[in-house]
Amino acid sequence: MIAPLAKLLDWMAIQLVWGRRVKSLLKQHDPSATTKLEEALQFLKGPGFIPAESLPARLEFTDARNFRFPTPRPGEFAENNVVYGRLYRCTEHWQKRPVIILLHGAGGADYHLEFPRMARHCNRAGFNAAMLIAPFLFQRWPRQPARFSWPNYLLTAQISYSQAITEIRALTGWLLAEGCPAVALWGNSYGGALAGLTACHDTRLSAAVLAAPGLDMNVFLSAARQIVWPGLREELLKEQPAREALNRTALNLINTRPCIPKENILLIEAIHDLFVDRKSMEALWHAWGQPDIWRLPHGHASKSLLPGLTGRILRWLAPRLDRHATAHRGWTPPSASFVSQ
């Protein structure tokens, strides 16, 4: 895709989607409330951010595909204490097949619009696909949101990151306990950041794909600088000192290191991205020992329009999942029929 068009699509996404979302959140700001930055920094430095222990989730299926389970990290918002997701089984003996967990972006649109198609591609390639709704989205959004003021950096650290990662690890544990021979993560944007952070704390993962990950707090600042409404732009940029402080914590992927081999990590960089800075992506690539990286001529919003990208990623994942899976009794590697997809 030509650079001007890719950047135009990102710019429109910032104004029409991201900008409106943060504007609605700012309406909930209580001038008398603290942003709890210091509490967030202390939490991120402590062992409670991502505990070493992870218990399998207790899934309950509401139909053949949709499931839910209680979050391992409950909080004060009852609606957010239930996790929802979908499992696309590839065969009736699905427990003998690897699983790819798809992690959506911050707005969650890809959960409904892109992931069902991607999940069916996974199934045709011989893999199960699972999807999770991240905290504070869709039916997990509190019915009384006025109970908190935004920005609240402690809630961001505890809910948007710590709780979300704990839920991913709990689902991973359930899938492995069911007999699935291998689990990989494939995250987009915010989901890419979650995939990366999880890969830094969970050795059970077979692979991780980070597609244009929101790898640090500069993603927020990059978008804020391009907001066309001067008042809103000024208000958002007031958060720069706090975001820079958070950038010095584990929320910045550059400050962490994967606990799975770099050969099992794929970074996808959209070179015309107006959200994720290219310098940050290159810095992450170097910090993580130069794993595989694909530099695509697209923007943040347009990378999903690249024909054949799903099949290409599945071809990259297949040998890594196979290596873990072949040691399990009853596993049969998928045929090469999906290679042309």
C-alpha atoms as a PDB file:
ATOM      1  CA  MET A   1       0.000   0.000   0.000  1.00  0.00           C
ATOM      2  CA  ILE A   2       1.325   3.469  -0.838  1.00  0.00           C
ATOM      3  CA  ALA A   3       2.437   5.466   2.192  1.00  0.00           C
ATOM      4  CA  PRO A   4      -0.026   8.408   1.880  1.00  0.00           C
ATOM      5  CA  LEU A   5      -3.044   6.090   1.811  1.00  0.00           C
ATOM      6  CA  ALA A   6      -1.764   3.962   4.694  1.00  0.00           C
ATOM      7  CA  LYS A   7      -1.135   7.063   6.794  1.00  0.00           C
ATOM      8  CA  LEU A   8      -4.516   8.538   5.875  1.00  0.00           C
ATOM      9  CA  LEU A   9      -6.285   5.412   7.142  1.00  0.00           C
ATOM     10  CA  ASP A  10      -4.342   5.602  10.413  1.00  0.00           C
ATOM     11  CA  TRP A  11      -5.091   9.328  10.748  1.00  0.00           C
ATOM     12  CA  MET A  12      -8.807   8.704  10.244  1.00  0.00           C
ATOM     13  CA  ALA A  13      -8.721   5.905  12.823  1.00  0.00           C
ATOM     14  CA  ILE A  14      -7.113   8.280  15.315  1.00  0.00           C
ATOM     15  CA  GLN A  15      -9.760  10.961  14.792  1.00  0.00           C
ATOM     16  CA  LEU A  16     -12.899   8.851  14.379  1.00  0.00           C
ATOM     17  CA  VAL A  17     -12.233   5.894  16.666  1.00  0.00           C
ATOM     18  CA  TRP A  18      -9.383   6.434  19.104  1.00  0.00           C
ATOM     19  CA  GLY A  19     -10.038  10.152  19.664  1.00  0.00           C
ATOM     20  CA  ARG A  20     -13.729   9.680  20.358  1.00  0.00           C
ATOM     21  CA  ARG A  21     -13.002   6.864  22.752  1.00  0.00           C
ATOM     22  CA  VAL A  22     -10.536   8.811  24.870  1.00  0.00           C
ATOM     23  CA  LYS A  23     -12.818  11.848  24.740  1.00  0.00           C
ATOM     24  CA  SER A  24     -15.626   9.812  26.283  1.00  0.00           C
ATOM     25  CA  LEU A  25     -13.231   8.524  28.948  1.00  0.00           C
ATOM     26  CA  LEU A  26     -12.119  12.056  29.789  1.00  0.00           C
ATOM     27  CA  LYS A  27     -15.733  12.962  30.545  1.00  0.00           C
ATOM     28  CA  GLN A  28     -15.427  10.635  33.518  1.00  0.00           C
ATOM     29  CA  HIS A  29     -12.480  12.566  34.911  1.00  0.00           C
ATOM     30  CA  ASP A  30     -12.880  13.762  38.474  1.00  0.00           C
ATOM     31  CA  PRO A  31     -10.595  16.792  39.034  1.00  0.00           C
ATOM     32  CA  SER A  32     -10.370  15.925  42.723  1.00  0.00           C
ATOM     33  CA  ALA A  33      -9.237  12.342  42.033  1.00  0.00           C
ATOM     34  CA  THR A  34      -5.598  11.312  41.889  1.00  0.00           C
ATOM     35  CA  THR A  35      -4.229   9.496  38.851  1.00  0.00           C
ATOM     36  CA  LYS A  36      -2.494   7.041  41.252  1.00  0.00           C
ATOM     37  CA  LEU A  37       0.703   7.137  39.255  1.00  0.00           C
ATOM     38  CA  GLU A  38       2.993   6.408  42.203  1.00  0.00           C
ATOM     39  CA  GLU A  39       0.834   3.448  43.262  1.00  0.00           C
ATOM     40  CA  ALA A  40       0.974   2.136  39.682  1.00  0.00           C
ATOM     41  CA  LEU A  41       4.771   2.428  39.532  1.00  0.00           C
ATOM     42  CA  GLN A  42       5.137   0.526  42.805  1.00  0.00           C
ATOM     43  CA  PHE A  43       2.720  -2.174  41.633  1.00  0.00           C
ATOM     44  CA  LEU A  44       4.582  -2.634  38.348  1.00  0.00           C
ATOM     45  CA  LYS A  45       7.869  -3.078  40.195  1.00  0.00           C
ATOM     46  CA  GLY A  46       6.496  -5.707  42.585  1.00  0.00           C
ATOM     47  CA  PRO A  47       5.854  -9.455  42.315  1.00  0.00           C
ATOM     48  CA  GLY A  48       2.098  -8.910  42.147  1.00  0.00           C
ATOM     49  CA  PHE A  49       2.199  -7.542  38.597  1.00  0.00           C
ATOM     50  CA  ILE A  50       2.561 -10.992  37.029  1.00  0.00           C
ATOM     51  CA  PRO A  51       2.670 -13.710  39.716  1.00  0.00           C
ATOM     52  CA  ALA A  52       4.854 -16.750  39.111  1.00  0.00           C
ATOM     53  CA  GLU A  53       1.978 -19.159  39.757  1.00  0.00           C
ATOM     54  CA  SER A  54      -0.786 -19.570  37.186  1.00  0.00           C
ATOM     55  CA  LEU A  55      -3.735 -21.917  37.712  1.00  0.00           C
ATOM     56  CA  PRO A  56      -5.841 -23.249  34.806  1.00  0.00           C
ATOM     57  CA  ALA A  57      -9.074 -21.412  34.109  1.00  0.00           C
ATOM     58  CA  ARG A  58     -12.412 -23.040  34.967  1.00  0.00           C
ATOM     59  CA  LEU A  59     -14.219 -22.818  31.645  1.00  0.00           C
ATOM     60  CA  GLU A  60     -17.973 -23.073  31.239  1.00  0.00           C
ATOM     61  CA  PHE A  61     -19.294 -23.389  27.687  1.00  0.00           C
ATOM     62  CA  THR A  62     -22.590 -21.636  26.982  1.00  0.00           C
ATOM     63  CA  ASP A  63     -22.813 -23.288  23.557  1.00  0.00           C
ATOM     64  CA  ALA A  64     -20.544 -25.232  21.205  1.00  0.00           C
ATOM     65  CA  ARG A  65     -18.155 -22.309  20.737  1.00  0.00           C
ATOM     66  CA  ASN A  66     -18.642 -19.614  23.387  1.00  0.00           C
ATOM     67  CA  PHE A  67     -17.222 -19.945  26.881  1.00  0.00           C
ATOM     68  CA  ARG A  68     -16.729 -17.949  30.037  1.00  0.00           C
ATOM     69  CA  PHE A  69     -14.785 -18.312  33.261  1.00  0.00           C
ATOM     70  CA  PRO A  70     -14.220 -16.314  36.446  1.00  0.00           C
ATOM     71  CA  THR A  71     -11.170 -14.117  36.244  1.00  0.00           C
ATOM     72  CA  PRO A  72      -8.250 -15.278  38.402  1.00  0.00           C
ATOM     73  CA  ARG A  73      -7.824 -11.634  39.506  1.00  0.00           C
ATOM     74  CA  PRO A  74     -11.255 -10.359  40.571  1.00  0.00           C
ATOM     75  CA  GLY A  75     -11.772  -6.693  41.390  1.00  0.00           C
ATOM     76  CA  GLU A  76     -14.494  -4.322  42.460  1.00  0.00           C
ATOM     77  CA  PHE A  77     -16.321  -4.300  39.110  1.00  0.00           C
ATOM     78  CA  ALA A  78     -18.542  -7.383  38.965  1.00  0.00           C
ATOM     79  CA  GLU A  79     -19.058  -7.245  35.193  1.00  0.00           C
ATOM     80  CA  ASN A  80     -15.306  -7.351  34.625  1.00  0.00           C
ATOM     81  CA  ASN A  81     -14.835 -10.380  36.853  1.00  0.00           C
ATOM     82  CA  VAL A  82     -16.176 -12.737  34.173  1.00  0.00           C
ATOM     83  CA  VAL A  83     -14.012 -13.538  31.135  1.00  0.00           C
ATOM     84  CA  TYR A  84     -15.666 -14.329  27.791  1.00  0.00           C
ATOM     85  CA  GLY A  85     -14.216 -15.996  24.733  1.00  0.00           C
ATOM     86  CA  ARG A  86     -14.644 -18.440  21.872  1.00  0.00           C
ATOM     87  CA  LEU A  87     -12.991 -21.707  20.944  1.00  0.00           C
ATOM     88  CA  TYR A  88     -12.934 -22.759  17.296  1.00  0.00           C
ATOM     89  CA  ARG A  89     -12.154 -26.484  17.329  1.00  0.00           C
ATOM     90  CA  CYS A  90     -10.501 -27.861  14.199  1.00  0.00           C
ATOM     91  CA  THR A  91     -11.660 -31.494  14.583  1.00  0.00           C
ATOM     92  CA  GLU A  92     -13.710 -33.678  16.903  1.00  0.00           C
ATOM     93  CA  HIS A  93     -10.349 -34.767  18.373  1.00  0.00           C
ATOM     94  CA  TRP A  94      -9.380 -31.159  18.917  1.00  0.00           C
ATOM     95  CA  GLN A  95      -7.463 -31.918  22.131  1.00  0.00           C
ATOM     96  CA  LYS A  96      -4.772 -33.541  19.991  1.00  0.00           C
ATOM     97  CA  ARG A  97      -4.173 -30.344  18.026  1.00  0.00           C
ATOM     98  CA  PRO A  98      -2.181 -27.192  18.905  1.00  0.00           C
ATOM     99  CA  VAL A  99      -4.020 -23.977  19.719  1.00  0.00           C
ATOM    100  CA  ILE A 100      -3.452 -20.397  18.611  1.00  0.00           C
ATOM    101  CA  ILE A 101      -4.863 -17.783  21.002  1.00  0.00           C
ATOM    102  CA  LEU A 102      -5.866 -14.600  19.127  1.00  0.00           C
ATOM    103  CA  LEU A 103      -5.571 -11.368  21.137  1.00  0.00           C
ATOM    104  CA  HIS A 104      -7.412  -8.301  19.860  1.00  0.00           C
ATOM    105  CA  GLY A 105      -6.524  -4.611  19.777  1.00  0.00           C
ATOM    106  CA  ALA A 106      -7.580  -1.944  22.264  1.00  0.00           C
ATOM    107  CA  GLY A 107     -10.975  -1.233  20.696  1.00  0.00           C
ATOM    108  CA  GLY A 108     -11.799  -4.896  20.199  1.00  0.00           C
ATOM    109  CA  ALA A 109     -13.196  -4.461  16.683  1.00  0.00           C
ATOM    110  CA  ASP A 110     -10.952  -7.228  15.321  1.00  0.00           C
ATOM    111  CA  TYR A 111     -12.478  -9.678  17.811  1.00  0.00           C
ATOM    112  CA  HIS A 112     -15.770  -9.536  15.907  1.00  0.00           C
ATOM    113  CA  LEU A 113     -14.683  -8.447  12.415  1.00  0.00           C
ATOM    114  CA  GLU A 114     -11.364 -10.208  11.688  1.00  0.00           C
ATOM    115  CA  PHE A 115     -10.835 -13.001  14.175  1.00  0.00           C
ATOM    116  CA  PRO A 116     -13.683 -15.324  13.076  1.00  0.00           C
ATOM    117  CA  ARG A 117     -12.173 -15.419   9.566  1.00  0.00           C
ATOM    118  CA  MET A 118      -8.685 -15.899  10.961  1.00  0.00           C
ATOM    119  CA  ALA A 119      -9.931 -18.675  13.255  1.00  0.00           C
ATOM    120  CA  ARG A 120     -11.366 -20.573  10.293  1.00  0.00           C
ATOM    121  CA  HIS A 121      -7.995 -20.276   8.530  1.00  0.00           C
ATOM    122  CA  CYS A 122      -6.383 -21.735  11.646  1.00  0.00           C
ATOM    123  CA  ASN A 123      -8.824 -24.636  11.588  1.00  0.00           C
ATOM    124  CA  ARG A 124      -8.106 -25.402   7.942  1.00  0.00           C
ATOM    125  CA  ALA A 125      -4.403 -25.408   8.775  1.00  0.00           C
ATOM    126  CA  GLY A 126      -5.001 -28.034  11.463  1.00  0.00           C
ATOM    127  CA  PHE A 127      -4.940 -25.734  14.493  1.00  0.00           C
ATOM    128  CA  ASN A 128      -7.555 -24.803  17.062  1.00  0.00           C
ATOM    129  CA  ALA A 129      -8.142 -21.092  17.592  1.00  0.00           C
ATOM    130  CA  ALA A 130      -9.229 -19.389  20.801  1.00  0.00           C
ATOM    131  CA  MET A 131     -10.262 -15.776  21.392  1.00  0.00           C
ATOM    132  CA  LEU A 132     -10.544 -13.763  24.590  1.00  0.00           C
ATOM    133  CA  ILE A 133     -12.339 -10.493  25.343  1.00  0.00           C
ATOM    134  CA  ALA A 134      -9.917  -8.265  27.239  1.00  0.00           C
ATOM    135  CA  PRO A 135     -10.902  -6.515  30.477  1.00  0.00           C
ATOM    136  CA  PHE A 136     -13.240  -3.517  30.348  1.00  0.00           C
ATOM    137  CA  LEU A 137     -14.563  -4.271  26.854  1.00  0.00           C
ATOM    138  CA  PHE A 138     -18.025  -5.184  25.560  1.00  0.00           C
ATOM    139  CA  GLN A 139     -20.015  -7.060  28.229  1.00  0.00           C
ATOM    140  CA  ARG A 140     -17.097  -6.628  30.645  1.00  0.00           C
ATOM    141  CA  TRP A 141     -17.535  -2.842  30.748  1.00  0.00           C
ATOM    142  CA  PRO A 142     -18.888  -1.748  34.171  1.00  0.00           C
ATOM    143  CA  ARG A 143     -22.511  -0.662  34.166  1.00  0.00           C
ATOM    144  CA  GLN A 144     -21.557   2.179  36.516  1.00  0.00           C
ATOM    145  CA  PRO A 145     -18.360   3.527  34.926  1.00  0.00           C
ATOM    146  CA  ALA A 146     -18.656   6.767  36.899  1.00  0.00           C
ATOM    147  CA  ARG A 147     -17.239   4.840  39.855  1.00  0.00           C
ATOM    148  CA  PHE A 148     -13.748   5.527  38.560  1.00  0.00           C
ATOM    149  CA  SER A 149     -12.001   8.551  37.138  1.00  0.00           C
ATOM    150  CA  TRP A 150      -9.796   8.420  34.050  1.00  0.00           C
ATOM    151  CA  PRO A 151      -6.828   8.515  33.794  1.00  0.00           C
ATOM    152  CA  ASN A 152      -6.192   6.058  36.599  1.00  0.00           C
ATOM    153  CA  TYR A 153      -2.767   4.509  36.020  1.00  0.00           C
ATOM    154  CA  LEU A 154      -3.132   1.979  38.797  1.00  0.00           C
ATOM    155  CA  LEU A 155      -6.278   0.580  37.153  1.00  0.00           C
ATOM    156  CA  THR A 156      -4.460   0.548  33.811  1.00  0.00           C
ATOM    157  CA  ALA A 157      -1.626  -1.507  35.297  1.00  0.00           C
ATOM    158  CA  GLN A 158      -3.864  -3.801  37.349  1.00  0.00           C
ATOM    159  CA  ILE A 159      -6.714  -4.367  34.870  1.00  0.00           C
ATOM    160  CA  SER A 160      -5.599  -3.610  31.309  1.00  0.00           C
ATOM    161  CA  TYR A 161      -2.311  -5.446  31.749  1.00  0.00           C
ATOM    162  CA  SER A 162      -1.935  -7.591  34.870  1.00  0.00           C
ATOM    163  CA  GLN A 163      -5.458  -9.003  34.819  1.00  0.00           C
ATOM    164  CA  ALA A 164      -5.441  -9.484  31.050  1.00  0.00           C
ATOM    165  CA  ILE A 165      -2.129 -11.392  31.140  1.00  0.00           C
ATOM    166  CA  THR A 166      -3.311 -13.528  34.060  1.00  0.00           C
ATOM    167  CA  GLU A 167      -6.407 -14.503  32.055  1.00  0.00           C
ATOM    168  CA  ILE A 168      -4.325 -15.417  28.988  1.00  0.00           C
ATOM    169  CA  ARG A 169      -2.116 -17.629  31.138  1.00  0.00           C
ATOM    170  CA  ALA A 170      -5.150 -19.223  32.805  1.00  0.00           C
ATOM    171  CA  LEU A 171      -6.652 -20.112  29.412  1.00  0.00           C
ATOM    172  CA  THR A 172      -3.256 -21.471  28.321  1.00  0.00           C
ATOM    173  CA  GLY A 173      -3.241 -23.704  31.396  1.00  0.00           C
ATOM    174  CA  TRP A 174      -6.742 -25.004  30.655  1.00  0.00           C
ATOM    175  CA  LEU A 175      -5.868 -25.812  27.031  1.00  0.00           C
ATOM    176  CA  LEU A 176      -2.731 -27.692  28.050  1.00  0.00           C
ATOM    177  CA  ALA A 177      -4.620 -29.537  30.793  1.00  0.00           C
ATOM    178  CA  GLU A 178      -7.176 -30.614  28.186  1.00  0.00           C
ATOM    179  CA  GLY A 179      -4.350 -32.288  26.284  1.00  0.00           C
ATOM    180  CA  CYS A 180      -3.579 -29.757  23.545  1.00  0.00           C
ATOM    181  CA  PRO A 181       0.096 -30.325  22.695  1.00  0.00           C
ATOM    182  CA  ALA A 182       1.129 -26.704  22.075  1.00  0.00           C
ATOM    183  CA  VAL A 183      -0.164 -23.145  22.550  1.00  0.00           C
ATOM    184  CA  ALA A 184       0.894 -20.010  20.659  1.00  0.00           C
ATOM    185  CA  LEU A 185      -0.181 -16.384  21.026  1.00  0.00           C
ATOM    186  CA  TRP A 186      -0.993 -14.095  18.092  1.00  0.00           C
ATOM    187  CA  GLY A 187      -1.722 -10.548  19.175  1.00  0.00           C
ATOM    188  CA  ASN A 188      -2.638  -7.388  17.303  1.00  0.00           C
ATOM    189  CA  SER A 189      -1.744  -3.898  18.600  1.00  0.00           C
ATOM    190  CA  TYR A 190      -2.698  -3.922  22.319  1.00  0.00           C
ATOM    191  CA  GLY A 191      -3.066  -7.685  21.967  1.00  0.00           C
ATOM    192  CA  GLY A 192       0.467  -7.770  20.575  1.00  0.00           C
ATOM    193  CA  ALA A 193       1.721  -6.065  23.727  1.00  0.00           C
ATOM    194  CA  LEU A 194      -0.123  -8.636  25.859  1.00  0.00           C
ATOM    195  CA  ALA A 195       1.350 -11.462  23.770  1.00  0.00           C
ATOM    196  CA  GLY A 196       4.828 -10.032  24.270  1.00  0.00           C
ATOM    197  CA  LEU A 197       4.468  -9.540  28.014  1.00  0.00           C
ATOM    198  CA  THR A 198       3.043 -13.033  28.420  1.00  0.00           C
ATOM    199  CA  ALA A 199       5.925 -14.491  26.416  1.00  0.00           C
ATOM    200  CA  CYS A 200       8.254 -12.818  28.931  1.00  0.00           C
ATOM    201  CA  HIS A 201       6.647 -14.664  31.852  1.00  0.00           C
ATOM    202  CA  ASP A 202       5.344 -18.031  30.615  1.00  0.00           C
ATOM    203  CA  THR A 203       7.705 -20.729  29.367  1.00  0.00           C
ATOM    204  CA  ARG A 204       4.804 -22.987  28.350  1.00  0.00           C
ATOM    205  CA  LEU A 205       4.201 -21.021  25.146  1.00  0.00           C
ATOM    206  CA  SER A 206       5.414 -22.522  21.888  1.00  0.00           C
ATOM    207  CA  ALA A 207       5.487 -19.244  19.928  1.00  0.00           C
ATOM    208  CA  ALA A 208       4.332 -15.639  19.926  1.00  0.00           C
ATOM    209  CA  VAL A 209       3.378 -13.326  17.059  1.00  0.00           C
ATOM    210  CA  LEU A 210       3.348  -9.592  17.828  1.00  0.00           C
ATOM    211  CA  ALA A 211       1.611  -7.665  15.030  1.00  0.00           C
ATOM    212  CA  ALA A 212       2.254  -3.904  15.313  1.00  0.00           C
ATOM    213  CA  PRO A 213       2.298  -4.250  19.108  1.00  0.00           C
ATOM    214  CA  GLY A 214       1.542  -1.327  21.399  1.00  0.00           C
ATOM    215  CA  LEU A 215       4.935  -1.979  22.902  1.00  0.00           C
ATOM    216  CA  ASP A 216       5.196   1.141  25.100  1.00  0.00           C
ATOM    217  CA  MET A 217       3.309   4.221  26.284  1.00  0.00           C
ATOM    218  CA  ASN A 218       4.553   6.216  23.288  1.00  0.00           C
ATOM    219  CA  VAL A 219       1.663   4.709  21.321  1.00  0.00           C
ATOM    220  CA  PHE A 220      -0.732   6.889  23.346  1.00  0.00           C
ATOM    221  CA  LEU A 221       1.419   9.991  22.863  1.00  0.00           C
ATOM    222  CA  SER A 222       1.879   9.393  19.118  1.00  0.00           C
ATOM    223  CA  ALA A 223      -1.878   9.269  18.624  1.00  0.00           C
ATOM    224  CA  ALA A 224      -2.514  12.216  20.954  1.00  0.00           C
ATOM    225  CA  ARG A 225      -0.198  14.515  18.968  1.00  0.00           C
ATOM    226  CA  GLN A 226      -2.291  13.974  15.839  1.00  0.00           C
ATOM    227  CA  ILE A 227      -5.704  14.750  17.328  1.00  0.00           C
ATOM    228  CA  VAL A 228      -7.220  17.646  15.352  1.00  0.00           C
ATOM    229  CA  TRP A 229      -9.131  19.159  18.298  1.00  0.00           C
ATOM    230  CA  PRO A 230      -6.648  21.487  20.026  1.00  0.00           C
ATOM    231  CA  GLY A 231      -8.327  21.311  23.442  1.00  0.00           C
ATOM    232  CA  LEU A 232      -8.409  17.539  23.476  1.00  0.00           C
ATOM    233  CA  ARG A 233      -4.859  17.287  22.144  1.00  0.00           C
ATOM    234  CA  GLU A 234      -3.601  19.625  24.878  1.00  0.00           C
ATOM    235  CA  GLU A 235      -5.457  17.680  27.561  1.00  0.00           C
ATOM    236  CA  LEU A 236      -4.049  14.348  26.419  1.00  0.00           C
ATOM    237  CA  LEU A 237      -0.483  15.620  26.138  1.00  0.00           C
ATOM    238  CA  LYS A 238      -0.620  16.620  29.799  1.00  0.00           C
ATOM    239  CA  GLU A 239      -0.167  12.903  30.430  1.00  0.00           C
ATOM    240  CA  GLN A 240       3.271  12.854  28.803  1.00  0.00           C
ATOM    241  CA  PRO A 241       5.307  12.924  32.074  1.00  0.00           C
ATOM    242  CA  ALA A 242       3.218  10.084  33.523  1.00  0.00           C
ATOM    243  CA  ARG A 243       3.480   8.037  30.334  1.00  0.00           C
ATOM    244  CA  GLU A 244       7.238   8.543  30.244  1.00  0.00           C
ATOM    245  CA  ALA A 245       7.448   7.286  33.837  1.00  0.00           C
ATOM    246  CA  LEU A 246       5.416   4.203  32.890  1.00  0.00           C
ATOM    247  CA  ASN A 247       7.797   3.691  29.954  1.00  0.00           C
ATOM    248  CA  ARG A 248      10.524   2.951  32.478  1.00  0.00           C
ATOM    249  CA  THR A 249       8.595  -0.010  33.875  1.00  0.00           C
ATOM    250  CA  ALA A 250       7.699  -3.499  32.669  1.00  0.00           C
ATOM    251  CA  LEU A 251       4.876  -2.014  30.557  1.00  0.00           C
ATOM    252  CA  ASN A 252       7.581  -1.156  28.032  1.00  0.00           C
ATOM    253  CA  LEU A 253       8.479  -4.373  26.219  1.00  0.00           C
ATOM    254  CA  ILE A 254      11.991  -3.081  25.627  1.00  0.00           C
ATOM    255  CA  ASN A 255      12.576  -3.373  29.394  1.00  0.00           C
ATOM    256  CA  THR A 256      11.606  -7.052  29.450  1.00  0.00           C
ATOM    257  CA  ARG A 257      13.063 -10.193  27.915  1.00  0.00           C
ATOM    258  CA  PRO A 258      11.213 -13.234  26.512  1.00  0.00           C
ATOM    259  CA  CYS A 259      11.483 -16.551  28.323  1.00  0.00           C
ATOM    260  CA  ILE A 260      10.844 -18.478  25.094  1.00  0.00           C
ATOM    261  CA  PRO A 261      13.507 -18.840  22.366  1.00  0.00           C
ATOM    262  CA  LYS A 262      13.832 -15.878  20.007  1.00  0.00           C
ATOM    263  CA  GLU A 263      13.430 -18.324  17.097  1.00  0.00           C
ATOM    264  CA  ASN A 264       9.799 -18.709  18.222  1.00  0.00           C
ATOM    265  CA  ILE A 265       9.020 -14.973  18.184  1.00  0.00           C
ATOM    266  CA  LEU A 266       7.765 -13.022  15.180  1.00  0.00           C
ATOM    267  CA  LEU A 267       7.564  -9.217  15.132  1.00  0.00           C
ATOM    268  CA  ILE A 268       5.424  -7.559  12.465  1.00  0.00           C
ATOM    269  CA  GLU A 269       6.199  -3.913  11.819  1.00  0.00           C
ATOM    270  CA  ALA A 270       3.933  -1.668   9.743  1.00  0.00           C
ATOM    271  CA  ILE A 271       6.404   0.829   8.342  1.00  0.00           C
ATOM    272  CA  HIS A 272       3.796   3.581   7.758  1.00  0.00           C
ATOM    273  CA  ASP A 273       2.287   3.167  11.258  1.00  0.00           C
ATOM    274  CA  LEU A 274       1.090   6.414  12.916  1.00  0.00           C
ATOM    275  CA  PHE A 275       0.494   4.661  16.258  1.00  0.00           C
ATOM    276  CA  VAL A 276       3.614   2.531  16.798  1.00  0.00           C
ATOM    277  CA  ASP A 277       6.875   4.384  16.238  1.00  0.00           C
ATOM    278  CA  ARG A 278       9.315   2.580  13.917  1.00  0.00           C
ATOM    279  CA  LYS A 279      12.262   3.479  16.144  1.00  0.00           C
ATOM    280  CA  SER A 280      10.555   1.744  19.062  1.00  0.00           C
ATOM    281  CA  MET A 281       9.935  -1.374  16.987  1.00  0.00           C
ATOM    282  CA  GLU A 282      13.547  -1.474  15.837  1.00  0.00           C
ATOM    283  CA  ALA A 283      14.721  -0.953  19.430  1.00  0.00           C
ATOM    284  CA  LEU A 284      12.547  -3.868  20.547  1.00  0.00           C
ATOM    285  CA  TRP A 285      13.946  -6.053  17.766  1.00  0.00           C
ATOM    286  CA  HIS A 286      17.498  -5.364  18.937  1.00  0.00           C
ATOM    287  CA  ALA A 287      16.643  -5.693  22.655  1.00  0.00           C
ATOM    288  CA  TRP A 288      15.086  -9.109  22.060  1.00  0.00           C
ATOM    289  CA  GLY A 289      18.113 -10.443  20.161  1.00  0.00           C
ATOM    290  CA  GLN A 290      16.824  -9.816  16.631  1.00  0.00           C
ATOM    291  CA  PRO A 291      14.056 -12.416  16.263  1.00  0.00           C
ATOM    292  CA  ASP A 292      12.229 -12.768  12.957  1.00  0.00           C
ATOM    293  CA  ILE A 293      10.755  -9.446  11.875  1.00  0.00           C
ATOM    294  CA  TRP A 294       8.555  -8.636   8.886  1.00  0.00           C
ATOM    295  CA  ARG A 295       8.518  -4.993   7.811  1.00  0.00           C
ATOM    296  CA  LEU A 296       5.308  -4.486   5.858  1.00  0.00           C
ATOM    297  CA  PRO A 297       4.497  -1.452   3.654  1.00  0.00           C
ATOM    298  CA  HIS A 298       1.282  -0.734   5.539  1.00  0.00           C
ATOM    299  CA  GLY A 299      -0.081   1.320   8.406  1.00  0.00           C
ATOM    300  CA  HIS A 300      -1.509   0.266  11.745  1.00  0.00           C
ATOM    301  CA  ALA A 301      -5.071   0.109  10.443  1.00  0.00           C
ATOM    302  CA  SER A 302      -4.312  -1.245   6.961  1.00  0.00           C
ATOM    303  CA  LYS A 303      -1.970  -4.145   7.730  1.00  0.00           C
ATOM    304  CA  SER A 304      -4.954  -6.503   7.972  1.00  0.00           C
ATOM    305  CA  LEU A 305      -5.772  -5.652   4.325  1.00  0.00           C
ATOM    306  CA  LEU A 306      -2.577  -7.287   3.095  1.00  0.00           C
ATOM    307  CA  PRO A 307      -3.634 -10.314   0.983  1.00  0.00           C
ATOM    308  CA  GLY A 308      -2.340 -13.637   2.229  1.00  0.00           C
ATOM    309  CA  LEU A 309      -0.938 -12.338   5.540  1.00  0.00           C
ATOM    310  CA  THR A 310      -2.921 -14.815   7.653  1.00  0.00           C
ATOM    311  CA  GLY A 311      -1.661 -17.770   5.626  1.00  0.00           C
ATOM    312  CA  ARG A 312       1.878 -16.471   5.739  1.00  0.00           C
ATOM    313  CA  ILE A 313       1.794 -16.213   9.537  1.00  0.00           C
ATOM    314  CA  LEU A 314       0.320 -19.707   9.802  1.00  0.00           C
ATOM    315  CA  ARG A 315       3.143 -21.029   7.657  1.00  0.00           C
ATOM    316  CA  TRP A 316       5.597 -19.410  10.060  1.00  0.00           C
ATOM    317  CA  LEU A 317       3.795 -20.844  13.106  1.00  0.00           C
ATOM    318  CA  ALA A 318       3.326 -24.386  11.778  1.00  0.00           C
ATOM    319  CA  PRO A 319       6.876 -25.770  12.247  1.00  0.00           C
ATOM    320  CA  ARG A 320       7.176 -24.178  15.680  1.00  0.00           C
ATOM    321  CA  LEU A 321       3.917 -25.693  16.860  1.00  0.00           C
ATOM    322  CA  ASP A 322       4.821 -29.019  15.246  1.00  0.00           C
ATOM    323  CA  ARG A 323       8.113 -29.234  17.124  1.00  0.00           C
ATOM    324  CA  HIS A 324       6.290 -29.041  20.442  1.00  0.00           C
ATOM    325  CA  ALA A 325       3.400 -31.181  19.334  1.00  0.00           C
ATOM    326  CA  THR A 326       5.142 -34.155  17.758  1.00  0.00           C
ATOM    327  CA  ALA A 327       6.312 -35.335  21.178  1.00  0.00           C
ATOM    328  CA  HIS A 328       2.664 -35.805  22.179  1.00  0.00           C
ATOM    329  CA  ARG A 329       1.018 -39.080  21.412  1.00  0.00           C
ATOM    330  CA  GLY A 330      -1.639 -38.984  18.728  1.00  0.00           C
ATOM    331  CA  TRP A 331      -0.477 -35.731  17.077  1.00  0.00           C
ATOM    332  CA  THR A 332      -0.526 -35.695  13.291  1.00  0.00           C
ATOM    333  CA  PRO A 333       1.054 -32.634  11.628  1.00  0.00           C
ATOM    334  CA  PRO A 334      -1.367 -30.761   9.344  1.00  0.00           C
ATOM    335  CA  SER A 335      -1.151 -31.214   5.607  1.00  0.00           C
ATOM    336  CA  ALA A 336       0.467 -28.554   3.449  1.00  0.00           C
ATOM    337  CA  SER A 337      -2.879 -27.719   1.836  1.00  0.00           C
ATOM    338  CA  PHE A 338      -3.098 -24.402   3.634  1.00  0.00           C
ATOM    339  CA  VAL A 339       0.243 -23.151   2.233  1.00  0.00           C
ATOM    340  CA  SER A 340      -1.400 -21.518  -0.766  1.00  0.00           C
ATOM    341  CA  GLN A 341      -3.974 -19.640   1.321  1.00  0.00           C
END
